[in-house]
Protein backbone atom coordinates (compact mmCIF):
# COMPACT_ATOMS: atom_id res chain seq x y z
CA MET A 1 0.00 0.00 0.00
CA ALA A 2 1.38 3.42 -1.00
CA VAL A 3 1.94 6.09 1.60
CA PRO A 4 0.23 9.40 0.70
CA ASP A 5 2.54 12.32 0.06
CA PHE A 6 1.43 15.25 2.24
CA ARG A 7 4.15 17.67 1.16
CA PHE A 8 1.85 19.46 -1.27
CA ALA A 9 -1.44 18.97 0.55
CA HIS A 10 -1.66 22.68 1.41
CA ALA A 11 -1.69 23.55 -2.31
CA ARG A 12 -4.59 21.20 -2.99
CA MET A 13 -6.56 22.26 0.07
CA ARG A 14 -6.64 26.01 -0.43
CA VAL A 15 -9.72 27.49 1.10
CA THR A 16 -10.91 30.73 -0.37
CA ASN A 17 -12.49 33.13 2.04
CA PRO A 18 -15.30 35.37 0.87
CA PRO A 19 -14.17 38.91 0.07
CA ALA A 20 -13.99 41.03 3.18
CA LYS A 21 -16.53 43.82 3.59
CA PRO A 22 -15.14 47.30 4.05
CA HIS A 23 -14.84 48.25 7.72
CA ASN A 24 -17.52 50.89 7.32
CA ALA A 25 -19.99 48.79 5.31
CA PRO A 26 -23.46 49.14 6.82
CA MET A 27 -25.08 46.09 8.33
CA PRO A 28 -28.51 45.48 6.82
CA ASN A 29 -31.07 45.85 9.60
CA ALA A 30 -34.33 47.70 10.19
CA SER A 31 -32.64 50.99 11.18
CA TYR A 32 -30.42 50.87 8.11
CA GLU A 33 -33.36 50.17 5.81
CA ARG A 34 -35.41 53.04 7.28
CA ALA A 35 -32.45 55.43 6.96
CA LYS A 36 -31.86 54.33 3.37
CA ALA A 37 -35.54 54.86 2.56
CA LYS A 38 -35.45 58.37 4.07
CA ARG A 39 -32.35 59.24 2.04
CA GLU A 40 -34.04 58.05 -1.16
CA GLN A 41 -37.16 60.01 -0.22
CA ILE A 42 -35.11 63.22 0.18
CA MET A 43 -33.32 62.55 -3.12
CA THR A 44 -36.69 62.02 -4.86
CA ILE A 45 -38.15 65.24 -3.45
CA LEU A 46 -35.06 67.17 -4.54
CA GLY A 47 -35.17 65.65 -8.03
CA TRP A 48 -32.15 63.27 -8.28
CA ARG A 49 -30.14 66.03 -10.01
CA CYS A 50 -27.07 68.03 -9.01
CA ALA A 51 -28.12 71.51 -7.86
CA ALA A 52 -25.03 73.11 -9.41
CA CYS A 53 -24.38 71.41 -12.75
CA GLY A 54 -27.44 69.21 -13.36
CA ALA A 55 -25.59 65.86 -13.41
CA THR A 56 -27.60 62.73 -12.61
CA GLU A 57 -24.82 60.29 -11.64
CA ASN A 58 -22.62 59.96 -8.51
CA LEU A 59 -24.98 62.07 -6.42
CA THR A 60 -24.49 62.94 -2.75
CA LEU A 61 -26.36 64.96 -0.18
CA ASP A 62 -24.69 68.20 0.85
CA HIS A 63 -25.31 70.83 3.52
CA ILE A 64 -26.00 74.18 1.83
CA LYS A 65 -24.65 76.04 4.85
CA PRO A 66 -21.70 74.05 6.20
CA LEU A 67 -22.08 72.84 9.77
CA ASN A 68 -18.42 73.59 10.57
CA LYS A 69 -17.76 70.02 11.52
CA ALA A 70 -16.41 67.13 9.54
CA HIS A 71 -18.34 63.90 9.18
CA ARG A 72 -17.91 62.00 12.37
CA PRO A 73 -17.62 58.23 12.27
CA ASP A 74 -21.18 57.87 13.57
CA GLY A 75 -22.04 55.47 10.81
CA TYR A 76 -24.46 55.44 7.94
CA VAL A 77 -27.70 55.47 9.93
CA ALA A 78 -26.77 58.44 12.14
CA ARG A 79 -25.55 60.40 9.11
CA GLN A 80 -28.81 59.80 7.20
CA TRP A 81 -30.92 60.97 10.15
CA GLU A 82 -28.74 64.10 10.35
CA TYR A 83 -29.59 64.72 6.68
CA VAL A 84 -33.31 64.34 7.47
CA LYS A 85 -32.99 66.91 10.26
CA GLN A 86 -31.10 69.31 7.99
CA TYR A 87 -33.62 68.74 5.16
CA ARG A 88 -36.44 69.81 7.46
CA GLN A 89 -34.48 73.01 8.13
CA GLY A 90 -33.96 73.59 4.39
CA ASN A 91 -30.21 73.05 4.56
CA ILE A 92 -29.77 70.09 2.18
CA GLN A 93 -29.14 69.93 -1.54
CA ILE A 94 -28.00 67.27 -3.99
CA LEU A 95 -24.54 67.64 -5.51
CA CYS A 96 -22.56 65.35 -7.78
CA GLU A 97 -19.20 64.16 -6.47
CA THR A 98 -17.34 66.69 -8.64
CA CYS A 99 -19.32 69.68 -7.33
CA GLN A 100 -19.18 68.29 -3.78
CA THR A 101 -15.39 68.13 -4.00
CA THR A 102 -15.24 71.64 -5.47
CA LYS A 103 -17.44 73.07 -2.74
CA GLY A 104 -15.74 71.34 0.16
CA LYS A 105 -16.46 73.37 3.30
CA HIS A 106 -17.01 76.59 1.36
CA SER A 107 -20.26 78.47 0.93
CA GLN A 108 -22.87 77.98 -1.76
CA GLU A 109 -21.77 81.22 -3.41
CA TYR A 110 -18.22 79.88 -3.76
CA LEU A 111 -19.51 76.74 -5.49
CA MET A 112 -21.70 78.68 -7.92
CA ALA A 113 -18.79 80.99 -8.78
CA GLN A 114 -16.59 77.97 -9.50
CA VAL A 115 -19.23 76.18 -11.60
CA SER A 116 -20.09 79.28 -13.65
CA ARG A 117 -16.47 79.64 -14.85
């Protein structure tokens, strides 16, 4: 009877792990689904179009008047509820990623001056 050769067993027994989720990927649960629905509701009311250039892809929500604080690592759900609060105060607009990057923490007037160039 032949003795099995285990020298290359590790090569034959490779186990592939599923791709890792990003560390900030939201966990699907009821709170996440409600927050996602609210975000989509705000985007629908505002028209799914960039307020500055009219683009319809890579859209984000933006504070018209900056809150003078960077996004904290509160997570997706807390951030969406902050957007709902700011929407009720009239301080939210839709911007594409390009206009969002251009605006940064500047005012709305700064963004419009940059876009009109």
